[in-house]
PDB file of all heavy atoms in Angstrom:
ATOM      1  N   GLN A   1       0.710 -11.628 -30.933  1.00  0.00           N
ATOM      2  CA  GLN A   1       1.605 -12.706 -31.355  1.00  0.00           C
ATOM      3  C   GLN A   1       2.260 -13.453 -30.196  1.00  0.00           C
ATOM      4  O   GLN A   1       2.677 -14.589 -30.373  1.00  0.00           O
ATOM      5  CB  GLN A   1       2.713 -12.136 -32.245  1.00  0.00           C
ATOM      6  CG  GLN A   1       2.211 -11.479 -33.503  1.00  0.00           C
ATOM      7  CD  GLN A   1       1.541 -12.458 -34.445  1.00  0.00           C
ATOM      8  OE1 GLN A   1       1.927 -13.614 -34.519  1.00  0.00           O
ATOM      9  NE2 GLN A   1       0.526 -11.993 -35.146  1.00  0.00           N
ATOM     10  N   TYR A   2       2.378 -12.799 -29.033  1.00  0.00           N
ATOM     11  CA  TYR A   2       3.148 -13.379 -27.941  1.00  0.00           C
ATOM     12  C   TYR A   2       2.332 -13.438 -26.656  1.00  0.00           C
ATOM     13  O   TYR A   2       1.732 -12.448 -26.247  1.00  0.00           O
ATOM     14  CB  TYR A   2       4.414 -12.546 -27.681  1.00  0.00           C
ATOM     15  CG  TYR A   2       5.330 -12.467 -28.872  1.00  0.00           C
ATOM     16  CD1 TYR A   2       5.432 -11.296 -29.610  1.00  0.00           C
ATOM     17  CD2 TYR A   2       6.093 -13.562 -29.260  1.00  0.00           C
ATOM     18  CE1 TYR A   2       6.280 -11.212 -30.709  1.00  0.00           C
ATOM     19  CE2 TYR A   2       6.935 -13.492 -30.353  1.00  0.00           C
ATOM     20  CZ  TYR A   2       7.024 -12.315 -31.071  1.00  0.00           C
ATOM     21  OH  TYR A   2       7.857 -12.239 -32.153  1.00  0.00           O
ATOM     22  N   ASP A   3       2.368 -14.602 -26.012  1.00  0.00           N
ATOM     23  CA  ASP A   3       1.662 -14.778 -24.739  1.00  0.00           C
ATOM     24  C   ASP A   3       2.280 -13.922 -23.632  1.00  0.00           C
ATOM     25  O   ASP A   3       1.567 -13.398 -22.780  1.00  0.00           O
ATOM     26  CB  ASP A   3       1.673 -16.247 -24.310  1.00  0.00           C
ATOM     27  CG  ASP A   3       0.774 -17.112 -25.188  1.00  0.00           C
ATOM     28  OD1 ASP A   3      -0.159 -16.561 -25.805  1.00  0.00           O
ATOM     29  OD2 ASP A   3       1.018 -18.329 -25.260  1.00  0.00           O
ATOM     30  N   TRP A   4       3.611 -13.791 -23.611  1.00  0.00           N
ATOM     31  CA  TRP A   4       4.259 -12.998 -22.572  1.00  0.00           C
ATOM     32  C   TRP A   4       3.785 -11.548 -22.620  1.00  0.00           C
ATOM     33  O   TRP A   4       3.628 -10.918 -21.580  1.00  0.00           O
ATOM     34  CB  TRP A   4       5.781 -13.081 -22.658  1.00  0.00           C
ATOM     35  CG  TRP A   4       6.348 -12.514 -23.923  1.00  0.00           C
ATOM     36  CD1 TRP A   4       6.681 -13.195 -25.050  1.00  0.00           C
ATOM     37  CD2 TRP A   4       6.624 -11.135 -24.193  1.00  0.00           C
ATOM     38  NE1 TRP A   4       7.137 -12.338 -26.011  1.00  0.00           N
ATOM     39  CE2 TRP A   4       7.126 -11.059 -25.510  1.00  0.00           C
ATOM     40  CE3 TRP A   4       6.498  -9.968 -23.457  1.00  0.00           C
ATOM     41  CZ2 TRP A   4       7.501  -9.861 -26.102  1.00  0.00           C
ATOM     42  CZ3 TRP A   4       6.875  -8.765 -24.048  1.00  0.00           C
ATOM     43  CH2 TRP A   4       7.366  -8.731 -25.356  1.00  0.00           C
ATOM     44  N   ALA A   5       3.549 -11.026 -23.810  1.00  0.00           N
ATOM     45  CA  ALA A   5       3.075  -9.647 -23.934  1.00  0.00           C
ATOM     46  C   ALA A   5       1.638  -9.530 -23.442  1.00  0.00           C
ATOM     47  O   ALA A   5       1.272  -8.534 -22.807  1.00  0.00           O
ATOM     48  CB  ALA A   5       3.187  -9.170 -25.383  1.00  0.00           C
ATOM     49  N   GLN A   6       0.836 -10.535 -23.717  1.00  0.00           N
ATOM     50  CA  GLN A   6      -0.555 -10.533 -23.247  1.00  0.00           C
ATOM     51  C   GLN A   6      -0.608 -10.520 -21.726  1.00  0.00           C
ATOM     52  O   GLN A   6      -1.408  -9.809 -21.137  1.00  0.00           O
ATOM     53  CB  GLN A   6      -1.283 -11.772 -23.793  1.00  0.00           C
ATOM     54  CG  GLN A   6      -2.724 -11.875 -23.357  1.00  0.00           C
ATOM     55  CD  GLN A   6      -3.582 -10.752 -23.919  1.00  0.00           C
ATOM     56  OE1 GLN A   6      -3.430 -10.353 -25.059  1.00  0.00           O
ATOM     57  NE2 GLN A   6      -4.472 -10.226 -23.106  1.00  0.00           N
ATOM     58  N   ARG A   7       0.279 -11.296 -21.089  1.00  0.00           N
ATOM     59  CA  ARG A   7       0.309 -11.347 -19.619  1.00  0.00           C
ATOM     60  C   ARG A   7       0.747 -10.017 -19.006  1.00  0.00           C
ATOM     61  O   ARG A   7       0.293  -9.652 -17.941  1.00  0.00           O
ATOM     62  CB  ARG A   7       1.241 -12.465 -19.144  1.00  0.00           C
ATOM     63  CG  ARG A   7       0.719 -13.864 -19.385  1.00  0.00           C
ATOM     64  CD  ARG A   7       1.588 -14.905 -18.687  1.00  0.00           C
ATOM     65  NE  ARG A   7       2.984 -14.853 -19.079  1.00  0.00           N
ATOM     66  CZ  ARG A   7       3.512 -15.522 -20.112  1.00  0.00           C
ATOM     67  NH1 ARG A   7       2.743 -16.283 -20.861  1.00  0.00           N
ATOM     68  NH2 ARG A   7       4.803 -15.426 -20.379  1.00  0.00           N
ATOM     69  N   ARG A   8       1.611  -9.303 -19.671  1.00  0.00           N
ATOM     70  CA  ARG A   8       2.119  -8.030 -19.137  1.00  0.00           C
ATOM     71  C   ARG A   8       1.249  -6.839 -19.500  1.00  0.00           C
ATOM     72  O   ARG A   8       1.367  -5.784 -18.892  1.00  0.00           O
ATOM     73  CB  ARG A   8       3.545  -7.810 -19.614  1.00  0.00           C
ATOM     74  CG  ARG A   8       4.501  -8.719 -18.874  1.00  0.00           C
ATOM     75  CD  ARG A   8       5.851  -8.785 -19.529  1.00  0.00           C
ATOM     76  NE  ARG A   8       6.774  -9.624 -18.810  1.00  0.00           N
ATOM     77  CZ  ARG A   8       6.803 -10.938 -18.864  1.00  0.00           C
ATOM     78  NH1 ARG A   8       5.918 -11.591 -19.569  1.00  0.00           N
ATOM     79  NH2 ARG A   8       7.699 -11.625 -18.189  1.00  0.00           N
ATOM     80  N   LEU A   9       0.385  -7.000 -20.474  1.00  0.00           N
ATOM     81  CA  LEU A   9      -0.435  -5.883 -20.938  1.00  0.00           C
ATOM     82  C   LEU A   9      -1.390  -5.383 -19.862  1.00  0.00           C
ATOM     83  O   LEU A   9      -1.467  -4.178 -19.608  1.00  0.00           O
ATOM     84  CB  LEU A   9      -1.225  -6.289 -22.193  1.00  0.00           C
ATOM     85  CG  LEU A   9      -2.181  -5.248 -22.755  1.00  0.00           C
ATOM     86  CD1 LEU A   9      -1.433  -3.985 -23.152  1.00  0.00           C
ATOM     87  CD2 LEU A   9      -2.931  -5.824 -23.956  1.00  0.00           C
ATOM     88  N   GLU A  10      -2.107  -6.264 -19.210  1.00  0.00           N
ATOM     89  CA  GLU A  10      -3.135  -5.844 -18.248  1.00  0.00           C
ATOM     90  C   GLU A  10      -2.562  -5.061 -17.067  1.00  0.00           C
ATOM     91  O   GLU A  10      -3.089  -4.008 -16.730  1.00  0.00           O
ATOM     92  CB  GLU A  10      -3.946  -7.054 -17.769  1.00  0.00           C
ATOM     93  CG  GLU A  10      -5.273  -6.687 -17.161  1.00  0.00           C
ATOM     94  CD  GLU A  10      -6.160  -5.837 -18.082  1.00  0.00           C
ATOM     95  OE1 GLU A  10      -6.224  -6.083 -19.287  1.00  0.00           O
ATOM     96  OE2 GLU A  10      -6.785  -4.895 -17.562  1.00  0.00           O
ATOM     97  N   PRO A  11      -1.466  -5.521 -16.428  1.00  0.00           N
ATOM     98  CA  PRO A  11      -0.922  -4.721 -15.316  1.00  0.00           C
ATOM     99  C   PRO A  11      -0.420  -3.342 -15.770  1.00  0.00           C
ATOM    100  O   PRO A  11      -0.613  -2.348 -15.063  1.00  0.00           O
ATOM    101  CB  PRO A  11       0.238  -5.567 -14.781  1.00  0.00           C
ATOM    102  CG  PRO A  11       0.025  -6.929 -15.296  1.00  0.00           C
ATOM    103  CD  PRO A  11      -0.789  -6.811 -16.539  1.00  0.00           C
ATOM    104  N   VAL A  12       0.197  -3.270 -16.939  1.00  0.00           N
ATOM    105  CA  VAL A  12       0.699  -1.974 -17.416  1.00  0.00           C
ATOM    106  C   VAL A  12      -0.471  -1.071 -17.781  1.00  0.00           C
ATOM    107  O   VAL A  12      -0.467   0.127 -17.484  1.00  0.00           O
ATOM    108  CB  VAL A  12       1.649  -2.175 -18.622  1.00  0.00           C
ATOM    109  CG1 VAL A  12       2.038  -0.849 -19.247  1.00  0.00           C
ATOM    110  CG2 VAL A  12       2.896  -2.934 -18.191  1.00  0.00           C
ATOM    111  N   LYS A  13      -1.495  -1.638 -18.400  1.00  0.00           N
ATOM    112  CA  LYS A  13      -2.683  -0.861 -18.752  1.00  0.00           C
ATOM    113  C   LYS A  13      -3.358  -0.319 -17.490  1.00  0.00           C
ATOM    114  O   LYS A  13      -3.742   0.851 -17.435  1.00  0.00           O
ATOM    115  CB  LYS A  13      -3.661  -1.746 -19.535  1.00  0.00           C
ATOM    116  CG  LYS A  13      -4.880  -1.043 -20.023  1.00  0.00           C
ATOM    117  CD  LYS A  13      -5.745  -2.002 -20.831  1.00  0.00           C
ATOM    118  CE  LYS A  13      -7.057  -1.378 -21.199  1.00  0.00           C
ATOM    119  NZ  LYS A  13      -7.923  -2.316 -21.929  1.00  0.00           N
ATOM    120  N   LYS A  14      -3.461  -1.162 -16.465  1.00  0.00           N
ATOM    121  CA  LYS A  14      -4.067  -0.729 -15.214  1.00  0.00           C
ATOM    122  C   LYS A  14      -3.260   0.404 -14.584  1.00  0.00           C
ATOM    123  O   LYS A  14      -3.822   1.391 -14.113  1.00  0.00           O
ATOM    124  CB  LYS A  14      -4.168  -1.911 -14.244  1.00  0.00           C
ATOM    125  CG  LYS A  14      -4.877  -1.576 -12.961  1.00  0.00           C
ATOM    126  CD  LYS A  14      -5.040  -2.799 -12.078  1.00  0.00           C
ATOM    127  CE  LYS A  14      -5.777  -2.418 -10.814  1.00  0.00           C
ATOM    128  NZ  LYS A  14      -5.999  -3.556  -9.941  1.00  0.00           N
ATOM    129  N   ARG A  15      -1.924   0.288 -14.627  1.00  0.00           N
ATOM    130  CA  ARG A  15      -1.064   1.339 -14.067  1.00  0.00           C
ATOM    131  C   ARG A  15      -1.204   2.634 -14.860  1.00  0.00           C
ATOM    132  O   ARG A  15      -1.221   3.724 -14.284  1.00  0.00           O
ATOM    133  CB  ARG A  15       0.393   0.858 -14.058  1.00  0.00           C
ATOM    134  CG  ARG A  15       1.366   1.899 -13.571  1.00  0.00           C
ATOM    135  CD  ARG A  15       1.136   2.257 -12.103  1.00  0.00           C
ATOM    136  NE  ARG A  15       2.009   3.343 -11.728  1.00  0.00           N
ATOM    137  CZ  ARG A  15       1.586   4.545 -11.363  1.00  0.00           C
ATOM    138  NH1 ARG A  15       0.299   4.815 -11.295  1.00  0.00           N
ATOM    139  NH2 ARG A  15       2.432   5.480 -11.051  1.00  0.00           N
ATOM    140  N   ALA A  16      -1.295   2.542 -16.170  1.00  0.00           N
ATOM    141  CA  ALA A  16      -1.446   3.742 -17.003  1.00  0.00           C
ATOM    142  C   ALA A  16      -2.772   4.439 -16.707  1.00  0.00           C
ATOM    143  O   ALA A  16      -2.831   5.670 -16.592  1.00  0.00           O
ATOM    144  CB  ALA A  16      -1.359   3.370 -18.480  1.00  0.00           C
ATOM    145  N   LEU A  17      -3.838   3.664 -16.557  1.00  0.00           N
ATOM    146  CA  LEU A  17      -5.141   4.256 -16.241  1.00  0.00           C
ATOM    147  C   LEU A  17      -5.146   4.866 -14.847  1.00  0.00           C
ATOM    148  O   LEU A  17      -5.735   5.932 -14.623  1.00  0.00           O
ATOM    149  CB  LEU A  17      -6.252   3.208 -16.377  1.00  0.00           C
ATOM    150  CG  LEU A  17      -6.524   2.724 -17.802  1.00  0.00           C
ATOM    151  CD1 LEU A  17      -7.505   1.558 -17.789  1.00  0.00           C
ATOM    152  CD2 LEU A  17      -7.038   3.855 -18.666  1.00  0.00           C
ATOM    153  N   GLN A  18      -4.459   4.215 -13.898  1.00  0.00           N
ATOM    154  CA  GLN A  18      -4.356   4.753 -12.546  1.00  0.00           C
ATOM    155  C   GLN A  18      -3.565   6.060 -12.555  1.00  0.00           C
ATOM    156  O   GLN A  18      -3.934   7.017 -11.882  1.00  0.00           O
ATOM    157  CB  GLN A  18      -3.698   3.745 -11.595  1.00  0.00           C
ATOM    158  CG  GLN A  18      -3.670   4.204 -10.157  1.00  0.00           C
ATOM    159  CD  GLN A  18      -5.056   4.373  -9.567  1.00  0.00           C
ATOM    160  OE1 GLN A  18      -5.883   3.475  -9.682  1.00  0.00           O
ATOM    161  NE2 GLN A  18      -5.326   5.516  -8.976  1.00  0.00           N
ATOM    162  N   ALA A  19      -2.487   6.104 -13.329  1.00  0.00           N
ATOM    163  CA  ALA A  19      -1.696   7.334 -13.429  1.00  0.00           C
ATOM    164  C   ALA A  19      -2.523   8.463 -14.041  1.00  0.00           C
ATOM    165  O   ALA A  19      -2.429   9.616 -13.614  1.00  0.00           O
ATOM    166  CB  ALA A  19      -0.440   7.082 -14.260  1.00  0.00           C
ATOM    167  N   ALA A  20      -3.347   8.126 -15.038  1.00  0.00           N
ATOM    168  CA  ALA A  20      -4.215   9.136 -15.652  1.00  0.00           C
ATOM    169  C   ALA A  20      -5.214   9.671 -14.633  1.00  0.00           C
ATOM    170  O   ALA A  20      -5.462  10.874 -14.556  1.00  0.00           O
ATOM    171  CB  ALA A  20      -4.940   8.547 -16.852  1.00  0.00           C
ATOM    172  N   ALA A  21      -5.790   8.787 -13.837  1.00  0.00           N
ATOM    173  CA  ALA A  21      -6.755   9.208 -12.816  1.00  0.00           C
ATOM    174  C   ALA A  21      -6.069  10.029 -11.729  1.00  0.00           C
ATOM    175  O   ALA A  21      -6.602  11.050 -11.277  1.00  0.00           O
ATOM    176  CB  ALA A  21      -7.452   7.995 -12.213  1.00  0.00           C
ATOM    177  N   ASP A  22      -4.873   9.607 -11.315  1.00  0.00           N
ATOM    178  CA  ASP A  22      -4.134  10.342 -10.284  1.00  0.00           C
ATOM    179  C   ASP A  22      -3.741  11.734 -10.760  1.00  0.00           C
ATOM    180  O   ASP A  22      -3.729  12.679  -9.982  1.00  0.00           O
ATOM    181  CB  ASP A  22      -2.868   9.581  -9.877  1.00  0.00           C
ATOM    182  CG  ASP A  22      -3.163   8.310  -9.106  1.00  0.00           C
ATOM    183  OD1 ASP A  22      -4.321   8.127  -8.666  1.00  0.00           O
ATOM    184  OD2 ASP A  22      -2.241   7.485  -8.960  1.00  0.00           O
ATOM    185  N   GLY A  23      -3.423  11.859 -12.032  1.00  0.00           N
ATOM    186  CA  GLY A  23      -2.966  13.129 -12.575  1.00  0.00           C
ATOM    187  C   GLY A  23      -4.017  14.220 -12.577  1.00  0.00           C
ATOM    188  O   GLY A  23      -3.678  15.407 -12.621  1.00  0.00           O
ATOM    189  N   VAL A  24      -5.287  13.854 -12.541  1.00  0.00           N
ATOM    190  CA  VAL A  24      -6.364  14.855 -12.542  1.00  0.00           C
ATOM    191  C   VAL A  24      -7.199  14.771 -11.264  1.00  0.00           C
ATOM    192  O   VAL A  24      -8.323  15.241 -11.222  1.00  0.00           O
ATOM    193  CB  VAL A  24      -7.262  14.710 -13.796  1.00  0.00           C
ATOM    194  CG1 VAL A  24      -6.484  15.068 -15.045  1.00  0.00           C
ATOM    195  CG2 VAL A  24      -7.864  13.321 -13.900  1.00  0.00           C
ATOM    196  N   GLU A  25      -6.615  14.186 -10.229  1.00  0.00           N
ATOM    197  CA  GLU A  25      -7.343  13.991  -8.980  1.00  0.00           C
ATOM    198  C   GLU A  25      -7.608  15.321  -8.263  1.00  0.00           C
ATOM    199  O   GLU A  25      -8.666  15.506  -7.674  1.00  0.00           O
ATOM    200  CB  GLU A  25      -6.553  13.042  -8.073  1.00  0.00           C
ATOM    201  CG  GLU A  25      -7.285  12.633  -6.829  1.00  0.00           C
ATOM    202  CD  GLU A  25      -6.520  11.604  -6.031  1.00  0.00           C
ATOM    203  OE1 GLU A  25      -5.320  11.427  -6.254  1.00  0.00           O
ATOM    204  OE2 GLU A  25      -7.147  10.979  -5.173  1.00  0.00           O
ATOM    205  N   THR A  26      -6.639  16.243  -8.308  1.00  0.00           N
ATOM    206  CA  THR A  26      -6.798  17.527  -7.618  1.00  0.00           C
ATOM    207  C   THR A  26      -6.474  18.668  -8.583  1.00  0.00           C
ATOM    208  O   THR A  26      -5.749  18.486  -9.570  1.00  0.00           O
ATOM    209  CB  THR A  26      -5.853  17.620  -6.400  1.00  0.00           C
ATOM    210  OG1 THR A  26      -4.500  17.609  -6.855  1.00  0.00           O
ATOM    211  CG2 THR A  26      -6.093  16.483  -5.414  1.00  0.00           C
ATOM    212  N   TRP A  27      -6.987  19.865  -8.252  1.00  0.00           N
ATOM    213  CA  TRP A  27      -6.714  21.028  -9.093  1.00  0.00           C
ATOM    214  C   TRP A  27      -5.236  21.403  -9.113  1.00  0.00           C
ATOM    215  O   TRP A  27      -4.718  21.786 -10.176  1.00  0.00           O
ATOM    216  CB  TRP A  27      -7.592  22.202  -8.693  1.00  0.00           C
ATOM    217  CG  TRP A  27      -8.948  22.052  -9.285  1.00  0.00           C
ATOM    218  CD1 TRP A  27     -10.101  21.722  -8.633  1.00  0.00           C
ATOM    219  CD2 TRP A  27      -9.297  22.169 -10.670  1.00  0.00           C
ATOM    220  NE1 TRP A  27     -11.141  21.631  -9.527  1.00  0.00           N
ATOM    221  CE2 TRP A  27     -10.678  21.908 -10.790  1.00  0.00           C
ATOM    222  CE3 TRP A  27      -8.580  22.464 -11.825  1.00  0.00           C
ATOM    223  CZ2 TRP A  27     -11.343  21.933 -12.003  1.00  0.00           C
ATOM    224  CZ3 TRP A  27      -9.241  22.493 -13.037  1.00  0.00           C
ATOM    225  CH2 TRP A  27     -10.609  22.235 -13.114  1.00  0.00           C
ATOM    226  N   PRO A  28      -4.509  21.315  -8.002  1.00  0.00           N
ATOM    227  CA  PRO A  28      -3.073  21.617  -8.086  1.00  0.00           C
ATOM    228  C   PRO A  28      -2.335  20.701  -9.070  1.00  0.00           C
ATOM    229  O   PRO A  28      -1.449  21.152  -9.789  1.00  0.00           O
ATOM    230  CB  PRO A  28      -2.572  21.413  -6.651  1.00  0.00           C
ATOM    231  CG  PRO A  28      -3.771  21.705  -5.812  1.00  0.00           C
ATOM    232  CD  PRO A  28      -4.943  21.177  -6.603  1.00  0.00           C
ATOM    233  N   ARG A  29      -2.695  19.427  -9.110  1.00  0.00           N
ATOM    234  CA  ARG A  29      -2.064  18.512 -10.066  1.00  0.00           C
ATOM    235  C   ARG A  29      -2.409  18.899 -11.501  1.00  0.00           C
ATOM    236  O   ARG A  29      -1.555  18.841 -12.385  1.00  0.00           O
ATOM    237  CB  ARG A  29      -2.503  17.072  -9.813  1.00  0.00           C
ATOM    238  CG  ARG A  29      -1.886  16.470  -8.587  1.00  0.00           C
ATOM    239  CD  ARG A  29      -2.289  15.034  -8.429  1.00  0.00           C
ATOM    240  NE  ARG A  29      -1.741  14.483  -7.204  1.00  0.00           N
ATOM    241  CZ  ARG A  29      -1.946  13.256  -6.797  1.00  0.00           C
ATOM    242  NH1 ARG A  29      -2.708  12.439  -7.507  1.00  0.00           N
ATOM    243  NH2 ARG A  29      -1.410  12.827  -5.680  1.00  0.00           N
ATOM    244  N   ILE A  30      -3.662  19.264 -11.727  1.00  0.00           N
ATOM    245  CA  ILE A  30      -4.072  19.667 -13.073  1.00  0.00           C
ATOM    246  C   ILE A  30      -3.321  20.933 -13.482  1.00  0.00           C
ATOM    247  O   ILE A  30      -2.807  21.027 -14.610  1.00  0.00           O
ATOM    248  CB  ILE A  30      -5.599  19.881 -13.136  1.00  0.00           C
ATOM    249  CG1 ILE A  30      -6.333  18.549 -12.908  1.00  0.00           C
ATOM    250  CG2 ILE A  30      -6.006  20.495 -14.473  1.00  0.00           C
ATOM    251  CD1 ILE A  30      -7.822  18.687 -12.689  1.00  0.00           C
ATOM    252  N   LEU A  31      -3.237  21.909 -12.581  1.00  0.00           N
ATOM    253  CA  LEU A  31      -2.538  23.155 -12.885  1.00  0.00           C
ATOM    254  C   LEU A  31      -1.044  22.923 -13.100  1.00  0.00           C
ATOM    255  O   LEU A  31      -0.445  23.525 -14.002  1.00  0.00           O
ATOM    256  CB  LEU A  31      -2.780  24.180 -11.785  1.00  0.00           C
ATOM    257  CG  LEU A  31      -4.219  24.684 -11.670  1.00  0.00           C
ATOM    258  CD1 LEU A  31      -4.377  25.596 -10.458  1.00  0.00           C
ATOM    259  CD2 LEU A  31      -4.642  25.397 -12.946  1.00  0.00           C
ATOM    260  N   LEU A  32      -0.437  22.053 -12.297  1.00  0.00           N
ATOM    261  CA  LEU A  32       0.979  21.751 -12.462  1.00  0.00           C
ATOM    262  C   LEU A  32       1.231  21.055 -13.804  1.00  0.00           C
ATOM    263  O   LEU A  32       2.207  21.358 -14.497  1.00  0.00           O
ATOM    264  CB  LEU A  32       1.475  20.888 -11.303  1.00  0.00           C
ATOM    265  CG  LEU A  32       2.970  20.684 -11.199  1.00  0.00           C
ATOM    266  CD1 LEU A  32       3.692  22.028 -11.039  1.00  0.00           C
ATOM    267  CD2 LEU A  32       3.298  19.779 -10.015  1.00  0.00           C
ATOM    268  N   SER A  33       0.336  20.145 -14.177  1.00  0.00           N
ATOM    269  CA  SER A  33       0.451  19.486 -15.479  1.00  0.00           C
ATOM    270  C   SER A  33       0.309  20.503 -16.608  1.00  0.00           C
ATOM    271  O   SER A  33       1.039  20.456 -17.598  1.00  0.00           O
ATOM    272  CB  SER A  33      -0.607  18.394 -15.626  1.00  0.00           C
ATOM    273  OG  SER A  33      -0.411  17.376 -14.681  1.00  0.00           O
ATOM    274  N   GLY A  34      -0.647  21.424 -16.453  1.00  0.00           N
ATOM    275  CA  GLY A  34      -0.828  22.478 -17.450  1.00  0.00           C
ATOM    276  C   GLY A  34       0.400  23.367 -17.560  1.00  0.00           C
ATOM    277  O   GLY A  34       0.807  23.758 -18.662  1.00  0.00           O
ATOM    278  N   LEU A  35       1.011  23.676 -16.420  1.00  0.00           N
ATOM    279  CA  LEU A  35       2.233  24.466 -16.420  1.00  0.00           C
ATOM    280  C   LEU A  35       3.354  23.713 -17.149  1.00  0.00           C
ATOM    281  O   LEU A  35       4.126  24.308 -17.905  1.00  0.00           O
ATOM    282  CB  LEU A  35       2.656  24.795 -14.987  1.00  0.00           C
ATOM    283  CG  LEU A  35       3.949  25.588 -14.837  1.00  0.00           C
ATOM    284  CD1 LEU A  35       3.819  26.963 -15.498  1.00  0.00           C
ATOM    285  CD2 LEU A  35       4.308  25.727 -13.364  1.00  0.00           C
ATOM    286  N   GLY A  36       3.416  22.411 -16.925  1.00  0.00           N
ATOM    287  CA  GLY A  36       4.404  21.594 -17.632  1.00  0.00           C
ATOM    288  C   GLY A  36       4.218  21.659 -19.145  1.00  0.00           C
ATOM    289  O   GLY A  36       5.182  21.725 -19.906  1.00  0.00           O
ATOM    290  N   VAL A  37       2.948  21.647 -19.587  1.00  0.00           N
ATOM    291  CA  VAL A  37       2.651  21.770 -21.017  1.00  0.00           C
ATOM    292  C   VAL A  37       3.140  23.111 -21.546  1.00  0.00           C
ATOM    293  O   VAL A  37       3.783  23.189 -22.601  1.00  0.00           O
ATOM    294  CB  VAL A  37       1.135  21.586 -21.274  1.00  0.00           C
ATOM    295  CG1 VAL A  37       0.759  22.023 -22.679  1.00  0.00           C
ATOM    296  CG2 VAL A  37       0.724  20.141 -21.037  1.00  0.00           C
ATOM    297  N   VAL A  38       2.849  24.180 -20.817  1.00  0.00           N
ATOM    298  CA  VAL A  38       3.264  25.516 -21.240  1.00  0.00           C
ATOM    299  C   VAL A  38       4.790  25.592 -21.331  1.00  0.00           C
ATOM    300  O   VAL A  38       5.335  26.129 -22.298  1.00  0.00           O
ATOM    301  CB  VAL A  38       2.701  26.593 -20.284  1.00  0.00           C
ATOM    302  CG1 VAL A  38       3.322  27.959 -20.545  1.00  0.00           C
ATOM    303  CG2 VAL A  38       1.187  26.658 -20.403  1.00  0.00           C
TER     304      VAL A  38
END
């Protein structure tokens, strides 16, 4: 419905995907995330 939201969607989506990739980049990060879940 809004152009302003369309303009902001791509940068936020890119950041979210980058954060997802960074979060599983190394085994210590994966284990720390798993510990957080526990």
